[in-house]
Amino acid sequence: MNRIEFMTELAALLQDVPVEERKEAMQYYNDYFDDAGEEEKDVVKELGSPEKVAENIKKDLGIQTEIASGGTQNTGANHTGAQDAGAQNNGTQNVGTQEQSNHIWKIVLIVLVVIFGLPLLLGIGGGVLGLLAGIIATVFSVILTAVLVVVSGVLAVVSGIALLIAEPAVGLALIGGGLIAGVCGVIASVLLVKLCMIAFPAAGRWITKMWNKVKNRKKVA
């Protein structure tokens, strides 16, 4: 047996040895042949058969070479693999059960929010709309009153002018009162219009902000 045959047979006998240990063993004996400086046949006789060398390597690594022992090892490995697979399956089942439970709780929470939150939202929405309607009605009533005051002032001025010849004092009083009423009505109307121009947009922004908060709460729920 020459070097090539020895190393080839040894490599075949070490197939069940871990890769790193097998590489180290093959490198060791390859270097041994290089450093021996003898005939390959003499080195092979010195080392012994590849079977004996492989057996010694496996003994040093604590690897059982008997068939029965190997069968025991394989059985244990299979049992361990089955346990790992069972544990993995159990973990997957637990994760699926937990996700299903979380999904059910989310549905229950949404139903509760709809049952208890919808009437509240409707009540708040109705209250806000009623308040806005009341404010708008009040503002328009005040504006209408101011307009009526202006109209009354104009009528008083016209009536006073008509009475200036017959009853100068009464005519002047009506003209003066009408002018005062008209000016006050105009000032009140202008102020109310400006107030509406400021208040209504602000109220609209506030309502939009509150509605966005309600929607964000729904999304969070």
Protein backbone atom coordinates (compact mmCIF):
# COMPACT_ATOMS: atom_id res chain seq x y z
CA MET A 1 0.00 0.00 0.00
CA ASN A 2 1.41 3.37 -0.96
CA ARG A 3 0.77 6.83 0.46
CA ILE A 4 -2.15 7.70 -1.82
CA GLU A 5 -3.98 4.45 -1.08
CA PHE A 6 -3.36 4.85 2.65
CA MET A 7 -4.62 8.45 2.78
CA THR A 8 -7.64 7.66 0.56
CA GLU A 9 -8.72 4.74 2.73
CA LEU A 10 -8.13 6.73 5.91
CA ALA A 11 -10.26 9.59 4.61
CA ALA A 12 -13.08 7.15 3.84
CA LEU A 13 -12.88 5.66 7.35
CA LEU A 14 -13.04 9.11 8.96
CA GLN A 15 -16.29 10.20 7.28
CA ASP A 16 -18.18 10.03 10.59
CA VAL A 17 -15.64 12.33 12.29
CA PRO A 18 -16.44 16.06 12.49
CA VAL A 19 -15.04 18.07 9.61
CA GLU A 20 -12.46 20.08 11.57
CA GLU A 21 -11.07 17.04 13.39
CA ARG A 22 -10.99 15.07 10.13
CA LYS A 23 -9.05 17.84 8.39
CA GLU A 24 -6.57 18.05 11.27
CA ALA A 25 -6.05 14.26 11.27
CA MET A 26 -5.55 14.12 7.51
CA GLN A 27 -3.14 17.06 7.64
CA TYR A 28 -1.20 15.42 10.48
CA TYR A 29 -0.62 12.15 8.60
CA ASN A 30 0.08 13.95 5.36
CA ASP A 31 2.77 15.96 7.12
CA TYR A 32 3.99 12.74 8.74
CA PHE A 33 4.60 11.25 5.31
CA ASP A 34 6.39 14.44 4.22
CA ASP A 35 8.65 14.54 7.29
CA ALA A 36 9.41 10.81 7.46
CA GLY A 37 11.96 10.83 4.66
CA GLU A 38 11.52 7.12 4.17
CA GLU A 39 9.89 4.91 1.63
CA GLU A 40 6.13 5.17 1.62
CA LYS A 41 5.77 1.44 2.24
CA ASP A 42 7.96 1.68 5.32
CA VAL A 43 5.93 4.56 6.68
CA VAL A 44 2.72 2.62 6.09
CA LYS A 45 4.14 -0.39 7.95
CA GLU A 46 5.18 1.90 10.80
CA LEU A 47 1.75 3.49 11.07
CA GLY A 48 -0.19 0.27 10.65
CA SER A 49 -3.37 -0.28 8.70
CA PRO A 50 -5.73 2.66 7.94
CA GLU A 51 -8.42 0.87 9.97
CA LYS A 52 -6.21 0.85 13.08
CA VAL A 53 -5.18 4.47 12.58
CA ALA A 54 -8.84 5.53 12.11
CA GLU A 55 -9.85 3.56 15.21
CA ASN A 56 -7.15 5.27 17.31
CA ILE A 57 -8.23 8.70 16.03
CA LYS A 58 -11.84 8.02 16.92
CA LYS A 59 -10.89 6.72 20.36
CA ASP A 60 -8.92 9.90 21.01
CA LEU A 61 -11.97 11.95 19.98
CA GLY A 62 -14.31 9.81 22.12
CA ILE A 63 -16.26 8.49 19.15
CA GLN A 64 -17.77 5.01 19.50
CA THR A 65 -16.82 2.73 16.64
CA GLU A 66 -18.97 -0.29 17.46
CA ILE A 67 -22.17 -0.80 15.56
CA ALA A 68 -24.27 -1.25 18.68
CA SER A 69 -22.90 1.92 20.19
CA GLY A 70 -23.51 3.75 16.96
CA GLY A 71 -27.08 2.46 16.93
CA THR A 72 -27.57 3.71 20.48
CA GLN A 73 -26.19 7.09 19.50
CA ASN A 74 -28.48 7.33 16.49
CA THR A 75 -31.48 6.33 18.61
CA GLY A 76 -30.63 9.01 21.15
CA ALA A 77 -30.14 11.57 18.40
CA ASN A 78 -33.46 10.64 16.85
CA HIS A 79 -35.16 10.86 20.24
CA THR A 80 -33.60 14.28 20.87
CA GLY A 81 -34.62 15.44 17.40
CA ALA A 82 -38.17 14.26 18.02
CA GLN A 83 -38.23 16.15 21.32
CA ASP A 84 -36.92 19.30 19.63
CA ALA A 85 -39.49 18.99 16.85
CA GLY A 86 -42.26 18.47 19.41
CA ALA A 87 -41.11 21.49 21.40
CA GLN A 88 -41.00 23.57 18.22
CA ASN A 89 -44.50 22.46 17.26
CA ASN A 90 -45.76 23.25 20.76
CA GLY A 91 -44.17 26.69 20.56
CA THR A 92 -45.82 27.32 17.19
CA GLN A 93 -49.19 26.19 18.55
CA ASN A 94 -48.79 28.44 21.60
CA VAL A 95 -47.96 31.44 19.40
CA GLY A 96 -50.96 30.74 17.17
CA THR A 97 -53.25 30.38 20.20
CA GLN A 98 -51.97 33.63 21.69
CA GLU A 99 -52.48 35.50 18.40
CA GLN A 100 -56.00 34.11 18.12
CA SER A 101 -56.75 35.15 21.71
CA ASN A 102 -55.43 38.68 21.05
CA HIS A 103 -57.58 38.91 17.92
CA ILE A 104 -60.68 37.89 19.89
CA TRP A 105 -59.96 40.46 22.59
CA LYS A 106 -59.54 43.17 19.96
CA ILE A 107 -62.96 42.31 18.49
CA VAL A 108 -64.53 42.36 21.98
CA LEU A 109 -62.93 45.74 22.71
CA ILE A 110 -64.22 47.20 19.44
CA VAL A 111 -67.74 45.94 20.19
CA LEU A 112 -67.63 47.48 23.69
CA VAL A 113 -66.42 50.79 22.29
CA VAL A 114 -69.24 50.80 19.76
CA ILE A 115 -71.88 49.87 22.37
CA PHE A 116 -70.83 52.32 25.06
CA GLY A 117 -68.99 54.96 23.07
CA LEU A 118 -71.48 55.52 20.24
CA PRO A 119 -74.30 56.89 22.44
CA LEU A 120 -71.79 59.12 24.19
CA LEU A 121 -70.45 60.40 20.90
CA LEU A 122 -73.97 61.00 19.63
CA GLY A 123 -74.86 62.85 22.82
CA ILE A 124 -71.75 65.00 22.63
CA GLY A 125 -72.28 65.61 18.93
CA GLY A 126 -75.92 66.52 19.50
CA GLY A 127 -74.97 68.84 22.36
CA VAL A 128 -72.31 70.55 20.28
CA LEU A 129 -74.68 70.98 17.35
CA GLY A 130 -77.39 72.32 19.66
CA LEU A 131 -74.95 74.78 21.21
CA LEU A 132 -73.81 75.95 17.79
CA ALA A 133 -77.41 76.32 16.64
CA GLY A 134 -78.21 78.36 19.75
CA ILE A 135 -75.18 80.59 19.27
CA ILE A 136 -75.98 81.14 15.59
CA ALA A 137 -79.62 81.93 16.39
CA THR A 138 -78.59 84.36 19.11
CA VAL A 139 -76.10 86.12 16.87
CA PHE A 140 -78.59 86.49 14.03
CA SER A 141 -81.22 87.74 16.49
CA VAL A 142 -78.86 90.39 17.78
CA ILE A 143 -77.90 91.39 14.23
CA LEU A 144 -81.58 91.56 13.27
CA THR A 145 -82.26 93.70 16.34
CA ALA A 146 -79.43 96.06 15.38
CA VAL A 147 -80.81 96.33 11.86
CA LEU A 148 -84.27 97.08 13.23
CA VAL A 149 -82.76 99.77 15.45
CA VAL A 150 -81.12 101.33 12.39
CA VAL A 151 -84.39 101.18 10.47
CA SER A 152 -86.26 102.69 13.43
CA GLY A 153 -83.71 105.48 13.63
CA VAL A 154 -84.12 106.23 9.93
CA LEU A 155 -87.91 106.29 10.32
CA ALA A 156 -87.60 108.58 13.34
CA VAL A 157 -85.40 110.98 11.39
CA VAL A 158 -87.88 111.02 8.51
CA SER A 159 -90.79 111.60 10.89
CA GLY A 160 -88.90 114.39 12.66
CA ILE A 161 -88.19 116.13 9.39
CA ALA A 162 -91.90 115.96 8.54
CA LEU A 163 -92.85 117.52 11.93
CA LEU A 164 -90.29 120.33 11.88
CA ILE A 165 -92.79 122.86 10.45
CA ALA A 166 -95.79 121.93 12.55
CA GLU A 167 -93.99 121.02 15.79
CA PRO A 168 -90.33 121.98 15.62
CA ALA A 169 -89.43 120.70 19.08
CA VAL A 170 -90.93 117.27 18.51
CA GLY A 171 -89.36 117.09 15.08
CA LEU A 172 -85.90 117.92 16.40
CA ALA A 173 -86.27 115.38 19.19
CA LEU A 174 -87.26 112.69 16.72
CA ILE A 175 -84.42 113.59 14.39
CA GLY A 176 -81.86 113.52 17.23
CA GLY A 177 -83.17 110.27 18.67
CA GLY A 178 -83.31 108.68 15.23
CA LEU A 179 -79.73 109.68 14.46
CA ILE A 180 -78.49 108.30 17.77
CA ALA A 181 -80.42 105.05 17.28
CA GLY A 182 -79.21 104.71 13.71
CA VAL A 183 -75.56 105.27 14.63
CA CYS A 184 -75.78 102.82 17.54
CA GLY A 185 -77.45 100.23 15.30
CA VAL A 186 -74.80 100.62 12.61
CA ILE A 187 -71.96 100.32 15.14
CA ALA A 188 -73.57 97.26 16.73
CA SER A 189 -74.10 95.63 13.34
CA VAL A 190 -70.49 96.21 12.28
CA LEU A 191 -69.15 94.87 15.57
CA LEU A 192 -71.36 91.80 15.41
CA VAL A 193 -70.34 91.06 11.84
CA LYS A 194 -66.65 91.31 12.77
CA LEU A 195 -67.24 89.13 15.82
CA CYS A 196 -68.92 86.51 13.66
CA MET A 197 -66.02 86.62 11.20
CA ILE A 198 -63.65 85.81 14.07
CA ALA A 199 -65.80 83.52 16.20
CA PHE A 200 -67.26 81.22 13.53
CA PRO A 201 -63.89 80.18 11.99
CA ALA A 202 -62.48 79.66 15.50
CA ALA A 203 -65.48 77.51 16.41
CA GLY A 204 -65.06 75.55 13.19
CA ARG A 205 -61.39 74.89 13.96
CA TRP A 206 -62.27 73.80 17.50
CA ILE A 207 -64.94 71.41 16.25
CA THR A 208 -62.51 69.98 13.68
CA LYS A 209 -59.87 69.51 16.37
CA MET A 210 -62.31 67.75 18.70
CA TRP A 211 -63.53 65.51 15.88
CA ASN A 212 -59.96 64.56 14.99
CA LYS A 213 -59.31 63.63 18.62
CA VAL A 214 -62.40 61.42 18.63
CA LYS A 215 -61.28 59.70 15.42
CA ASN A 216 -57.76 59.17 16.78
CA ARG A 217 -59.23 57.58 19.91
CA LYS A 218 -61.29 55.25 17.76
CA LYS A 219 -58.19 54.22 15.81
CA VAL A 220 -56.23 53.61 19.03
CA ALA A 221 -59.11 51.54 20.42
